[in-house]
Amino acid sequence: MRRLPVQVLLGLMIAFIACLDAPVPEGVQFAKVGNKVLTLEDAKARIPDAIFMQDSVSALNDYRESWIRKQLILEEVERLDLEELESVQQKLTRLKEEVLISSFQEAIVSTPELNVAVTIEEARNYYQANKEKFLLNDRYIRFRHVIAATQSDAENAKRDLMRGIDWETVANRYSIYPELAIKESNRFWPARSALSDFETLNRYLQIIGFSEISRIEEINGRYHFVQLLEERTEGEHPDLDWLTEQIQDWLIMEKKRIAYNTYIKNLYLAAQANNEIEIYNVLPEQIKTDTTSDSLNTN
């Protein structure tokens, strides 16, 4: 068999990848079971981005197989009239109530009246008042990670850092992903899981000293090295800048929780005032008698 030239193969691969990234046209049928149709657009929308980006073809095929099995099961459920069983109806009723209550809660906390906000100053004050609650449970580190296209670029980047050339210049000049490299070098990471996808680099981060640069490692055709910048040990207080956004989110949730509970309390008080609630006192003896009677009838 005649082999295709390398250039042609590369062109086909690029075209294939471009097709995967292109918008999926509506109505493209991907599978059909009976009268139920799965479109390519629906399948893609239901696959988490992280899984889709790893292997889009496998992700789509796996979802399609799962969808087909699900439709076959639902057809069999309909054939057996399982939905008409009293036990199934009771479960469906409970599930429906739970969904409605959850939807109600989301609707209430999303109303403009409950559009609460937390300032940075509020978050900082909360942190200072509750500082003893915020302690690191692991060693955290800040580091630089260079991914270069060639051995030469990696060596030049390492040399420039050792000469004192500023980090942004080095990253923009030699790193394949300069913006990401700069952004991630400004935050702290748990030492145990830092660069967990690159076991060799993670080991370097455990043993190199401050400002020290690791050896250059070739990984999947790219050239990597790391430089350790700072660390925070277990039991220390983290920098407030790490936590400000998280504290703001937590305080917003807490304010919404309080507002929601207040709303429900007002509903309860209004129902009481309108005599819509009736509560019956049941004596312990009655409960015991009823339970015993039910038990005997069951036996």
Protein backbone atom coordinates (compact mmCIF):
# COMPACT_ATOMS: atom_id res chain seq x y z
CA MET A 1 0.00 0.00 0.00
CA ARG A 2 1.32 3.44 -0.89
CA ARG A 3 1.92 5.66 2.15
CA LEU A 4 0.64 9.22 2.26
CA PRO A 5 3.26 11.98 2.55
CA VAL A 6 3.82 13.36 6.06
CA GLN A 7 2.53 16.78 4.98
CA VAL A 8 -0.77 15.25 3.83
CA LEU A 9 -1.18 13.35 7.13
CA LEU A 10 -0.51 16.50 9.12
CA GLY A 11 -3.06 18.38 7.03
CA LEU A 12 -5.69 15.73 7.66
CA MET A 13 -4.99 15.77 11.39
CA ILE A 14 -5.30 19.56 11.55
CA ALA A 15 -8.56 19.43 9.60
CA PHE A 16 -9.91 16.74 11.93
CA ILE A 17 -9.04 18.77 15.06
CA ALA A 18 -10.59 21.89 13.52
CA CYS A 19 -13.80 19.97 12.92
CA LEU A 20 -13.94 18.95 16.57
CA ASP A 21 -13.54 22.56 17.73
CA ALA A 22 -16.03 23.96 15.20
CA PRO A 23 -19.59 24.78 16.35
CA VAL A 24 -21.86 21.75 16.14
CA PRO A 25 -24.80 22.39 13.77
CA GLU A 26 -28.23 21.95 15.30
CA GLY A 27 -30.21 18.85 14.47
CA VAL A 28 -27.32 16.59 13.48
CA GLN A 29 -28.56 13.15 14.51
CA PHE A 30 -26.06 11.14 16.54
CA ALA A 31 -28.24 8.19 17.62
CA LYS A 32 -31.86 7.07 17.58
CA VAL A 33 -33.79 4.57 19.68
CA GLY A 34 -37.44 4.19 18.73
CA ASN A 35 -38.83 7.72 18.50
CA LYS A 36 -36.10 9.25 20.69
CA VAL A 37 -33.29 11.09 18.90
CA LEU A 38 -29.94 12.19 20.30
CA THR A 39 -28.34 15.08 18.41
CA LEU A 40 -24.62 15.72 18.30
CA GLU A 41 -25.23 19.12 19.86
CA ASP A 42 -27.11 17.63 22.84
CA ALA A 43 -24.40 15.01 23.38
CA LYS A 44 -21.62 17.59 23.34
CA ALA A 45 -23.55 19.90 25.71
CA ARG A 46 -23.95 17.12 28.29
CA ILE A 47 -20.28 16.10 28.42
CA PRO A 48 -18.16 17.99 30.99
CA ASP A 49 -15.58 20.23 29.29
CA ALA A 50 -12.66 18.60 31.11
CA ILE A 51 -13.61 15.15 29.76
CA PHE A 52 -14.40 16.45 26.27
CA MET A 53 -11.06 18.22 25.96
CA GLN A 54 -9.10 15.07 26.90
CA ASP A 55 -10.51 12.95 24.09
CA SER A 56 -13.55 14.35 22.32
CA VAL A 57 -14.15 11.33 20.09
CA SER A 58 -14.09 8.81 22.94
CA ALA A 59 -16.19 11.10 25.12
CA LEU A 60 -18.88 11.41 22.44
CA ASN A 61 -18.91 7.67 21.71
CA ASP A 62 -19.10 6.81 25.42
CA TYR A 63 -21.97 9.22 25.96
CA ARG A 64 -23.84 7.84 22.95
CA GLU A 65 -23.55 4.26 24.23
CA SER A 66 -24.74 5.35 27.68
CA TRP A 67 -27.67 7.25 26.13
CA ILE A 68 -28.70 4.23 24.03
CA ARG A 69 -28.68 1.92 27.07
CA LYS A 70 -30.73 4.44 29.03
CA GLN A 71 -33.38 4.68 26.27
CA LEU A 72 -33.62 0.89 26.01
CA ILE A 73 -34.17 0.66 29.77
CA LEU A 74 -36.84 3.38 29.65
CA GLU A 75 -38.62 1.55 26.83
CA GLU A 76 -38.62 -1.64 28.91
CA VAL A 77 -39.91 0.30 31.93
CA GLU A 78 -42.81 1.52 29.80
CA ARG A 79 -43.51 -1.98 28.46
CA LEU A 80 -43.67 -3.37 32.00
CA ASP A 81 -45.88 -0.48 33.24
CA LEU A 82 -43.53 0.07 36.18
CA GLU A 83 -44.52 3.71 36.41
CA GLU A 84 -48.03 2.67 37.44
CA LEU A 85 -46.84 0.79 40.54
CA GLU A 86 -47.87 2.51 43.77
CA SER A 87 -44.35 2.31 45.22
CA VAL A 88 -42.94 3.96 42.09
CA GLN A 89 -45.60 6.68 42.18
CA GLN A 90 -44.73 7.44 45.80
CA LYS A 91 -41.03 7.79 44.93
CA LEU A 92 -41.86 10.01 41.96
CA THR A 93 -44.02 12.21 44.16
CA ARG A 94 -41.23 12.59 46.72
CA LEU A 95 -38.69 13.37 44.00
CA LYS A 96 -41.04 15.93 42.46
CA GLU A 97 -41.50 17.63 45.83
CA GLU A 98 -37.74 17.74 46.39
CA VAL A 99 -37.14 19.24 42.94
CA LEU A 100 -39.86 21.85 43.47
CA ILE A 101 -38.55 22.82 46.91
CA SER A 102 -35.00 23.09 45.56
CA SER A 103 -36.23 25.20 42.63
CA PHE A 104 -38.20 27.39 45.03
CA GLN A 105 -35.11 27.95 47.17
CA GLU A 106 -33.03 28.89 44.12
CA ALA A 107 -35.76 31.27 42.93
CA ILE A 108 -36.01 33.00 46.33
CA VAL A 109 -32.29 33.55 46.84
CA SER A 110 -31.99 34.82 43.24
CA THR A 111 -34.60 37.56 43.61
CA PRO A 112 -33.38 41.18 43.46
CA GLU A 113 -34.56 41.65 47.05
CA LEU A 114 -31.98 39.07 48.17
CA ASN A 115 -29.21 40.32 45.90
CA VAL A 116 -26.69 40.50 48.75
CA ALA A 117 -23.08 41.56 48.38
CA VAL A 118 -19.98 41.34 50.54
CA THR A 119 -17.22 43.91 50.26
CA ILE A 120 -13.53 43.14 50.44
CA GLU A 121 -13.44 45.10 53.69
CA GLU A 122 -16.13 42.84 55.21
CA ALA A 123 -14.15 39.75 54.17
CA ARG A 124 -10.95 41.15 55.69
CA ASN A 125 -12.70 42.02 58.95
CA TYR A 126 -14.15 38.50 59.15
CA TYR A 127 -10.70 37.01 58.59
CA GLN A 128 -9.13 39.13 61.33
CA ALA A 129 -11.93 38.27 63.78
CA ASN A 130 -11.68 34.54 63.05
CA LYS A 131 -8.02 34.17 62.21
CA GLU A 132 -7.58 31.10 64.41
CA LYS A 133 -9.93 29.19 62.10
CA PHE A 134 -7.65 29.70 59.10
CA LEU A 135 -4.56 27.53 59.37
CA LEU A 136 -2.80 25.66 56.58
CA ASN A 137 -3.16 21.89 56.78
CA ASP A 138 -0.34 21.27 54.31
CA ARG A 139 2.87 22.80 52.95
CA TYR A 140 2.12 25.32 50.19
CA ILE A 141 4.60 26.53 47.59
CA ARG A 142 4.89 29.16 44.88
CA PHE A 143 7.02 28.35 41.85
CA ARG A 144 7.71 29.03 38.20
CA HIS A 145 7.15 26.39 35.55
CA VAL A 146 8.63 26.86 32.10
CA ILE A 147 7.48 24.73 29.15
CA ALA A 148 9.69 25.37 26.13
CA ALA A 149 9.41 24.03 22.59
CA THR A 150 13.10 23.19 22.29
CA GLN A 151 16.05 22.25 24.46
CA SER A 152 17.77 25.44 23.38
CA ASP A 153 14.85 27.64 24.48
CA ALA A 154 14.73 25.91 27.85
CA GLU A 155 18.47 26.38 28.38
CA ASN A 156 18.27 30.05 27.38
CA ALA A 157 15.32 30.61 29.72
CA LYS A 158 17.18 28.99 32.59
CA ARG A 159 20.33 31.02 31.86
CA ASP A 160 18.39 34.32 31.71
CA LEU A 161 16.67 33.64 35.04
CA MET A 162 20.04 32.89 36.64
CA ARG A 163 21.38 36.17 35.20
CA GLY A 164 18.53 38.11 36.82
CA ILE A 165 16.39 38.80 33.76
CA ASP A 166 12.85 39.52 34.96
CA TRP A 167 10.41 36.62 34.91
CA GLU A 168 7.79 38.11 32.57
CA THR A 169 10.41 38.78 29.91
CA VAL A 170 11.73 35.22 30.15
CA ALA A 171 8.24 33.69 30.08
CA ASN A 172 7.14 35.74 27.06
CA ARG A 173 10.37 34.98 25.22
CA TYR A 174 10.70 31.24 25.79
CA SER A 175 7.54 29.68 27.30
CA ILE A 176 4.95 28.06 25.05
CA TYR A 177 2.18 29.33 27.35
CA PRO A 178 3.55 32.61 28.74
CA GLU A 179 0.31 34.08 30.12
CA LEU A 180 -0.56 30.86 31.95
CA ALA A 181 3.00 30.49 33.27
CA ILE A 182 2.99 34.04 34.66
CA LYS A 183 -0.49 33.72 36.15
CA GLU A 184 0.16 30.40 37.89
CA SER A 185 3.50 31.59 39.29
CA ASN A 186 1.65 34.21 41.34
CA ARG A 187 -0.37 31.76 43.42
CA PHE A 188 0.46 29.14 46.03
CA TRP A 189 -0.19 25.43 45.46
CA PRO A 190 -0.35 22.45 47.86
CA ALA A 191 3.15 20.96 47.62
CA ARG A 192 1.90 17.38 47.39
CA SER A 193 -0.33 17.99 44.40
CA ALA A 194 1.64 20.73 42.59
CA LEU A 195 2.24 19.65 38.98
CA SER A 196 0.85 16.23 39.87
CA ASP A 197 0.65 15.42 36.14
CA PHE A 198 4.43 15.69 35.97
CA GLU A 199 5.80 13.38 38.65
CA THR A 200 9.45 14.24 37.98
CA LEU A 201 8.79 17.98 38.32
CA ASN A 202 6.81 17.41 41.50
CA ARG A 203 9.79 15.56 43.00
CA TYR A 204 12.07 18.47 42.15
CA LEU A 205 9.70 20.85 43.96
CA GLN A 206 10.02 18.71 47.09
CA ILE A 207 13.84 18.86 47.21
CA ILE A 208 15.14 22.06 45.56
CA GLY A 209 15.85 25.16 47.66
CA PHE A 210 14.57 28.71 47.33
CA SER A 211 15.38 30.34 43.98
CA GLU A 212 16.98 27.07 42.86
CA ILE A 213 16.17 25.87 39.35
CA SER A 214 15.67 22.21 38.55
CA ARG A 215 17.21 20.25 35.72
CA ILE A 216 15.57 20.47 32.30
CA GLU A 217 13.35 17.46 31.62
CA GLU A 218 11.97 16.38 28.26
CA ILE A 219 8.33 15.30 28.66
CA ASN A 220 6.22 14.42 25.61
CA GLY A 221 8.43 16.40 23.28
CA ARG A 222 8.45 19.55 25.43
CA TYR A 223 11.22 20.83 27.70
CA HIS A 224 10.32 21.66 31.31
CA PHE A 225 11.97 23.06 34.40
CA VAL A 226 10.73 24.58 37.67
CA GLN A 227 12.05 27.22 40.06
CA LEU A 228 10.96 27.34 43.71
CA LEU A 229 10.08 30.84 44.95
CA GLU A 230 8.28 30.67 48.33
CA GLU A 231 6.72 28.27 50.79
CA ARG A 232 4.20 28.30 53.63
CA THR A 233 4.49 25.47 56.12
CA GLU A 234 1.69 23.49 57.73
CA GLY A 235 0.14 25.33 60.68
CA GLU A 236 0.91 28.83 59.37
CA HIS A 237 -1.73 31.43 58.60
CA PRO A 238 -2.28 31.80 54.85
CA ASP A 239 -2.04 35.19 53.19
CA LEU A 240 -5.36 37.01 53.29
CA ASP A 241 -5.17 37.54 49.52
CA TRP A 242 -5.58 33.78 49.06
CA LEU A 243 -8.80 33.75 51.02
CA THR A 244 -10.55 37.06 50.34
CA GLU A 245 -12.62 35.78 47.42
CA GLN A 246 -13.50 32.52 49.20
CA ILE A 247 -14.57 34.39 52.35
CA GLN A 248 -16.70 36.74 50.25
CA ASP A 249 -18.44 33.77 48.59
CA TRP A 250 -19.01 32.08 51.96
CA LEU A 251 -20.43 35.24 53.55
CA ILE A 252 -22.75 35.78 50.59
CA MET A 253 -24.05 32.20 50.96
CA GLU A 254 -24.51 32.76 54.69
CA LYS A 255 -26.45 35.98 54.13
CA LYS A 256 -28.67 34.24 51.59
CA ARG A 257 -29.23 31.35 53.98
CA ILE A 258 -30.35 33.73 56.73
CA ALA A 259 -32.58 35.66 54.32
CA TYR A 260 -34.16 32.44 53.05
CA ASN A 261 -34.85 31.17 56.57
CA THR A 262 -36.40 34.53 57.43
CA TYR A 263 -38.64 34.24 54.36
CA ILE A 264 -39.80 30.76 55.42
CA LYS A 265 -40.39 31.95 58.99
CA ASN A 266 -42.61 34.75 57.68
CA LEU A 267 -44.54 32.22 55.59
CA TYR A 268 -45.08 30.14 58.71
CA LEU A 269 -46.21 33.11 60.80
CA ALA A 270 -48.59 34.26 58.04
CA ALA A 271 -50.11 30.77 57.79
CA GLN A 272 -50.56 30.67 61.57
CA ALA A 273 -52.23 34.09 61.54
CA ASN A 274 -54.65 32.89 58.84
CA ASN A 275 -55.42 29.68 60.77
CA GLU A 276 -54.05 27.54 57.94
CA ILE A 277 -52.02 25.29 60.25
CA GLU A 278 -53.53 22.73 62.58
CA ILE A 279 -51.35 20.76 64.99
CA TYR A 280 -52.72 17.73 66.87
CA ASN A 281 -51.32 16.49 70.14
CA VAL A 282 -50.66 12.76 70.09
CA LEU A 283 -50.01 11.03 73.42
CA PRO A 284 -47.03 8.67 73.74
CA GLU A 285 -49.43 5.85 74.71
CA GLN A 286 -51.26 6.24 71.40
CA ILE A 287 -48.02 6.06 69.42
CA LYS A 288 -46.95 2.93 71.29
CA THR A 289 -50.34 1.27 70.83
CA ASP A 290 -50.52 2.10 67.13
CA THR A 291 -47.00 0.82 66.55
CA THR A 292 -47.69 -2.45 68.37
CA SER A 293 -50.92 -2.96 66.46
CA ASP A 294 -49.18 -2.38 63.12
CA SER A 295 -46.46 -4.83 64.09
CA LEU A 296 -48.98 -7.56 65.02
CA ASN A 297 -50.96 -7.03 61.81
CA THR A 298 -47.77 -7.32 59.78
CA ASN A 299 -46.80 -10.58 61.50
